[in-house]
Amino acid sequence: MSKKEILWGSICLCLVVLAYIIPYLFLTNVTVWYGSFLLWVALALFIIVINYILTKDWK
């Protein structure tokens, strides 16, 4: 693995961990369902972009 792949992989891992931590710690007082849903959609889009960056150079 190259350093670029390790960097983007660890960013993905951090985003996945944040997807669990933020809703249960910081959004506990948000009573509407779309509070966490919006966060999860945004994080999913970031993960998709990161995966595209990682795989665009694969041959």
PDB file of N, CA and C in Angstrom:
ATOM      1  N   MET A   1       0.834  -1.180   0.000  1.00  0.00           N
ATOM      2  CA  MET A   1       0.000   0.000   0.000  1.00  0.00           C
ATOM      3  C   MET A   1       0.878   1.243   0.000  1.00  0.00           C
ATOM      4  N   SER A   2       0.431   2.225  -0.721  1.00  0.00           N
ATOM      5  CA  SER A   2       1.174   3.477  -0.752  1.00  0.00           C
ATOM      6  C   SER A   2       0.738   4.373   0.412  1.00  0.00           C
ATOM      7  N   LYS A   3       1.501   5.416   0.631  1.00  0.00           N
ATOM      8  CA  LYS A   3       1.170   6.346   1.722  1.00  0.00           C
ATOM      9  C   LYS A   3      -0.146   7.065   1.446  1.00  0.00           C
ATOM     10  N   LYS A   4      -0.424   7.296   0.166  1.00  0.00           N
ATOM     11  CA  LYS A   4      -1.685   7.943  -0.212  1.00  0.00           C
ATOM     12  C   LYS A   4      -2.872   7.066   0.179  1.00  0.00           C
ATOM     13  N   GLU A   5      -2.770   5.773  -0.082  1.00  0.00           N
ATOM     14  CA  GLU A   5      -3.857   4.854   0.270  1.00  0.00           C
ATOM     15  C   GLU A   5      -4.036   4.747   1.779  1.00  0.00           C
ATOM     16  N   ILE A   6      -2.932   4.736   2.499  1.00  0.00           N
ATOM     17  CA  ILE A   6      -3.022   4.669   3.961  1.00  0.00           C
ATOM     18  C   ILE A   6      -3.667   5.942   4.511  1.00  0.00           C
ATOM     19  N   LEU A   7      -3.295   7.083   3.960  1.00  0.00           N
ATOM     20  CA  LEU A   7      -3.873   8.350   4.409  1.00  0.00           C
ATOM     21  C   LEU A   7      -5.378   8.384   4.171  1.00  0.00           C
ATOM     22  N   TRP A   8      -5.804   8.101   2.951  1.00  0.00           N
ATOM     23  CA  TRP A   8      -7.235   8.146   2.638  1.00  0.00           C
ATOM     24  C   TRP A   8      -7.998   7.054   3.372  1.00  0.00           C
ATOM     25  N   GLY A   9      -7.372   5.905   3.569  1.00  0.00           N
ATOM     26  CA  GLY A   9      -8.014   4.837   4.338  1.00  0.00           C
ATOM     27  C   GLY A   9      -8.234   5.218   5.779  1.00  0.00           C
ATOM     28  N   SER A  10      -7.245   5.884   6.375  1.00  0.00           N
ATOM     29  CA  SER A  10      -7.426   6.311   7.765  1.00  0.00           C
ATOM     30  C   SER A  10      -8.431   7.452   7.873  1.00  0.00           C
ATOM     31  N   ILE A  11      -8.535   8.297   6.844  1.00  0.00           N
ATOM     32  CA  ILE A  11      -9.573   9.330   6.844  1.00  0.00           C
ATOM     33  C   ILE A  11     -10.946   8.681   6.786  1.00  0.00           C
ATOM     34  N   CYS A  12     -11.094   7.652   5.946  1.00  0.00           N
ATOM     35  CA  CYS A  12     -12.368   6.912   5.880  1.00  0.00           C
ATOM     36  C   CYS A  12     -12.703   6.292   7.234  1.00  0.00           C
ATOM     37  N   LEU A  13     -11.729   5.699   7.859  1.00  0.00           N
ATOM     38  CA  LEU A  13     -11.951   5.081   9.161  1.00  0.00           C
ATOM     39  C   LEU A  13     -12.380   6.120  10.193  1.00  0.00           C
ATOM     40  N   CYS A  14     -11.751   7.280  10.181  1.00  0.00           N
ATOM     41  CA  CYS A  14     -12.137   8.354  11.110  1.00  0.00           C
ATOM     42  C   CYS A  14     -13.565   8.821  10.843  1.00  0.00           C
ATOM     43  N   LEU A  15     -13.949   8.922   9.575  1.00  0.00           N
ATOM     44  CA  LEU A  15     -15.314   9.336   9.252  1.00  0.00           C
ATOM     45  C   LEU A  15     -16.344   8.307   9.708  1.00  0.00           C
ATOM     46  N   VAL A  16     -16.001   7.031   9.585  1.00  0.00           N
ATOM     47  CA  VAL A  16     -16.916   5.980  10.050  1.00  0.00           C
ATOM     48  C   VAL A  16     -17.073   6.048  11.566  1.00  0.00           C
ATOM     49  N   VAL A  17     -15.977   6.276  12.271  1.00  0.00           N
ATOM     50  CA  VAL A  17     -16.053   6.400  13.727  1.00  0.00           C
ATOM     51  C   VAL A  17     -16.879   7.629  14.114  1.00  0.00           C
ATOM     52  N   LEU A  18     -16.683   8.735  13.389  1.00  0.00           N
ATOM     53  CA  LEU A  18     -17.474   9.938  13.659  1.00  0.00           C
ATOM     54  C   LEU A  18     -18.957   9.721  13.390  1.00  0.00           C
ATOM     55  N   ALA A  19     -19.276   8.854  12.428  1.00  0.00           N
ATOM     56  CA  ALA A  19     -20.676   8.559  12.123  1.00  0.00           C
ATOM     57  C   ALA A  19     -21.368   7.887  13.311  1.00  0.00           C
ATOM     58  N   TYR A  20     -20.608   7.225  14.163  1.00  0.00           N
ATOM     59  CA  TYR A  20     -21.179   6.624  15.365  1.00  0.00           C
ATOM     60  C   TYR A  20     -21.120   7.573  16.559  1.00  0.00           C
ATOM     61  N   ILE A  21     -20.047   8.309  16.678  1.00  0.00           N
ATOM     62  CA  ILE A  21     -19.850   9.146  17.863  1.00  0.00           C
ATOM     63  C   ILE A  21     -20.757  10.381  17.862  1.00  0.00           C
ATOM     64  N   ILE A  22     -20.797  11.105  16.758  1.00  0.00           N
ATOM     65  CA  ILE A  22     -21.529  12.379  16.715  1.00  0.00           C
ATOM     66  C   ILE A  22     -23.018  12.224  17.017  1.00  0.00           C
ATOM     67  N   PRO A  23     -23.739  11.291  16.391  1.00  0.00           N
ATOM     68  CA  PRO A  23     -25.179  11.217  16.690  1.00  0.00           C
ATOM     69  C   PRO A  23     -25.490  10.838  18.133  1.00  0.00           C
ATOM     70  N   TYR A  24     -24.678   9.962  18.713  1.00  0.00           N
ATOM     71  CA  TYR A  24     -24.996   9.483  20.051  1.00  0.00           C
ATOM     72  C   TYR A  24     -24.450  10.374  21.163  1.00  0.00           C
ATOM     73  N   LEU A  25     -23.503  11.246  20.853  1.00  0.00           N
ATOM     74  CA  LEU A  25     -22.984  12.153  21.870  1.00  0.00           C
ATOM     75  C   LEU A  25     -23.487  13.580  21.708  1.00  0.00           C
ATOM     76  N   PHE A  26     -23.447  14.085  20.481  1.00  0.00           N
ATOM     77  CA  PHE A  26     -23.740  15.502  20.269  1.00  0.00           C
ATOM     78  C   PHE A  26     -25.149  15.769  19.751  1.00  0.00           C
ATOM     79  N   LEU A  27     -25.772  14.785  19.146  1.00  0.00           N
ATOM     80  CA  LEU A  27     -27.123  14.991  18.613  1.00  0.00           C
ATOM     81  C   LEU A  27     -28.190  14.274  19.431  1.00  0.00           C
ATOM     82  N   THR A  28     -27.905  13.994  20.690  1.00  0.00           N
ATOM     83  CA  THR A  28     -28.884  13.271  21.511  1.00  0.00           C
ATOM     84  C   THR A  28     -30.116  14.116  21.817  1.00  0.00           C
ATOM     85  N   ASN A  29     -29.971  15.422  21.817  1.00  0.00           N
ATOM     86  CA  ASN A  29     -31.106  16.291  22.116  1.00  0.00           C
ATOM     87  C   ASN A  29     -31.888  16.703  20.870  1.00  0.00           C
ATOM     88  N   VAL A  30     -31.449  16.266  19.715  1.00  0.00           N
ATOM     89  CA  VAL A  30     -32.183  16.545  18.481  1.00  0.00           C
ATOM     90  C   VAL A  30     -33.264  15.479  18.359  1.00  0.00           C
ATOM     91  N   THR A  31     -34.509  15.890  18.454  1.00  0.00           N
ATOM     92  CA  THR A  31     -35.597  14.909  18.500  1.00  0.00           C
ATOM     93  C   THR A  31     -36.131  14.519  17.128  1.00  0.00           C
ATOM     94  N   VAL A  32     -35.716  15.203  16.094  1.00  0.00           N
ATOM     95  CA  VAL A  32     -36.195  14.852  14.754  1.00  0.00           C
ATOM     96  C   VAL A  32     -35.248  13.829  14.137  1.00  0.00           C
ATOM     97  N   TRP A  33     -35.801  12.953  13.323  1.00  0.00           N
ATOM     98  CA  TRP A  33     -35.016  11.860  12.759  1.00  0.00           C
ATOM     99  C   TRP A  33     -33.994  12.336  11.743  1.00  0.00           C
ATOM    100  N   TYR A  34     -34.245  13.478  11.106  1.00  0.00           N
ATOM    101  CA  TYR A  34     -33.343  13.895  10.040  1.00  0.00           C
ATOM    102  C   TYR A  34     -32.085  14.583  10.554  1.00  0.00           C
ATOM    103  N   GLY A  35     -31.935  14.756  11.847  1.00  0.00           N
ATOM    104  CA  GLY A  35     -30.691  15.302  12.394  1.00  0.00           C
ATOM    105  C   GLY A  35     -29.529  14.359  12.134  1.00  0.00           C
ATOM    106  N   SER A  36     -29.675  13.117  12.540  1.00  0.00           N
ATOM    107  CA  SER A  36     -28.634  12.124  12.300  1.00  0.00           C
ATOM    108  C   SER A  36     -28.606  11.698  10.845  1.00  0.00           C
ATOM    109  N   PHE A  37     -29.752  11.643  10.211  1.00  0.00           N
ATOM    110  CA  PHE A  37     -29.821  11.202   8.822  1.00  0.00           C
ATOM    111  C   PHE A  37     -29.023  12.130   7.918  1.00  0.00           C
ATOM    112  N   LEU A  38     -29.135  13.428   8.122  1.00  0.00           N
ATOM    113  CA  LEU A  38     -28.387  14.387   7.319  1.00  0.00           C
ATOM    114  C   LEU A  38     -26.889  14.202   7.523  1.00  0.00           C
ATOM    115  N   LEU A  39     -26.474  13.973   8.752  1.00  0.00           N
ATOM    116  CA  LEU A  39     -25.064  13.723   9.027  1.00  0.00           C
ATOM    117  C   LEU A  39     -24.595  12.460   8.311  1.00  0.00           C
ATOM    118  N   TRP A  40     -25.386  11.383   8.401  1.00  0.00           N
ATOM    119  CA  TRP A  40     -24.998  10.125   7.776  1.00  0.00           C
ATOM    120  C   TRP A  40     -24.958  10.233   6.252  1.00  0.00           C
ATOM    121  N   VAL A  41     -25.846  10.991   5.677  1.00  0.00           N
ATOM    122  CA  VAL A  41     -25.820  11.188   4.225  1.00  0.00           C
ATOM    123  C   VAL A  41     -24.574  11.969   3.823  1.00  0.00           C
ATOM    124  N   ALA A  42     -24.255  13.020   4.564  1.00  0.00           N
ATOM    125  CA  ALA A  42     -23.066  13.814   4.252  1.00  0.00           C
ATOM    126  C   ALA A  42     -21.793  12.979   4.393  1.00  0.00           C
ATOM    127  N   LEU A  43     -21.698  12.212   5.462  1.00  0.00           N
ATOM    128  CA  LEU A  43     -20.522  11.359   5.640  1.00  0.00           C
ATOM    129  C   LEU A  43     -20.439  10.284   4.570  1.00  0.00           C
ATOM    130  N   ALA A  44     -21.567   9.738   4.166  1.00  0.00           N
ATOM    131  CA  ALA A  44     -21.566   8.737   3.098  1.00  0.00           C
ATOM    132  C   ALA A  44     -21.077   9.341   1.784  1.00  0.00           C
ATOM    133  N   LEU A  45     -21.480  10.565   1.494  1.00  0.00           N
ATOM    134  CA  LEU A  45     -21.002  11.221   0.279  1.00  0.00           C
ATOM    135  C   LEU A  45     -19.495  11.466   0.344  1.00  0.00           C
ATOM    136  N   PHE A  46     -18.993  11.859   1.506  1.00  0.00           N
ATOM    137  CA  PHE A  46     -17.547  12.029   1.659  1.00  0.00           C
ATOM    138  C   PHE A  46     -16.808  10.707   1.436  1.00  0.00           C
ATOM    139  N   ILE A  47     -17.341   9.623   1.976  1.00  0.00           N
ATOM    140  CA  ILE A  47     -16.723   8.313   1.807  1.00  0.00           C
ATOM    141  C   ILE A  47     -16.730   7.902   0.332  1.00  0.00           C
ATOM    142  N   ILE A  48     -17.817   8.177  -0.374  1.00  0.00           N
ATOM    143  CA  ILE A  48     -17.889   7.857  -1.799  1.00  0.00           C
ATOM    144  C   ILE A  48     -16.844   8.639  -2.584  1.00  0.00           C
ATOM    145  N   VAL A  49     -16.678   9.912  -2.264  1.00  0.00           N
ATOM    146  CA  VAL A  49     -15.667  10.737  -2.943  1.00  0.00           C
ATOM    147  C   VAL A  49     -14.265  10.205  -2.647  1.00  0.00           C
ATOM    148  N   ILE A  50     -14.009   9.856  -1.408  1.00  0.00           N
ATOM    149  CA  ILE A  50     -12.699   9.322  -1.040  1.00  0.00           C
ATOM    150  C   ILE A  50     -12.436   8.005  -1.764  1.00  0.00           C
ATOM    151  N   ASN A  51     -13.442   7.138  -1.849  1.00  0.00           N
ATOM    152  CA  ASN A  51     -13.271   5.884  -2.576  1.00  0.00           C
ATOM    153  C   ASN A  51     -13.006   6.129  -4.050  1.00  0.00           C
ATOM    154  N   TYR A  52     -13.639   7.130  -4.620  1.00  0.00           N
ATOM    155  CA  TYR A  52     -13.361   7.479  -6.010  1.00  0.00           C
ATOM    156  C   TYR A  52     -11.916   7.942  -6.176  1.00  0.00           C
ATOM    157  N   ILE A  53     -11.452   8.782  -5.254  1.00  0.00           N
ATOM    158  CA  ILE A  53     -10.064   9.262  -5.321  1.00  0.00           C
ATOM    159  C   ILE A  53      -9.091   8.094  -5.216  1.00  0.00           C
ATOM    160  N   LEU A  54      -9.382   7.152  -4.342  1.00  0.00           N
ATOM    161  CA  LEU A  54      -8.498   6.003  -4.169  1.00  0.00           C
ATOM    162  C   LEU A  54      -8.480   5.074  -5.379  1.00  0.00           C
ATOM    163  N   THR A  55      -9.605   4.886  -6.030  1.00  0.00           N
ATOM    164  CA  THR A  55      -9.692   3.876  -7.086  1.00  0.00           C
ATOM    165  C   THR A  55      -9.560   4.424  -8.505  1.00  0.00           C
ATOM    166  N   LYS A  56      -9.467   5.722  -8.668  1.00  0.00           N
ATOM    167  CA  LYS A  56      -9.400   6.265 -10.029  1.00  0.00           C
ATOM    168  C   LYS A  56      -8.083   5.926 -10.722  1.00  0.00           C
ATOM    169  N   ASP A  57      -7.018   5.672  -9.972  1.00  0.00           N
ATOM    170  CA  ASP A  57      -5.731   5.362 -10.568  1.00  0.00           C
ATOM    171  C   ASP A  57      -5.471   3.861 -10.714  1.00  0.00           C
ATOM    172  N   TRP A  58      -6.404   3.046 -10.285  1.00  0.00           N
ATOM    173  CA  TRP A  58      -6.226   1.604 -10.412  1.00  0.00           C
ATOM    174  C   TRP A  58      -6.320   1.212 -11.878  1.00  0.00           C
ATOM    175  N   LYS A  59      -5.503   0.272 -12.268  1.00  0.00           N
ATOM    176  CA  LYS A  59      -5.522  -0.166 -13.664  1.00  0.00           C
ATOM    177  C   LYS A  59      -5.967  -1.581 -13.773  1.00  0.00           C
TER     178      LYS A  59
END
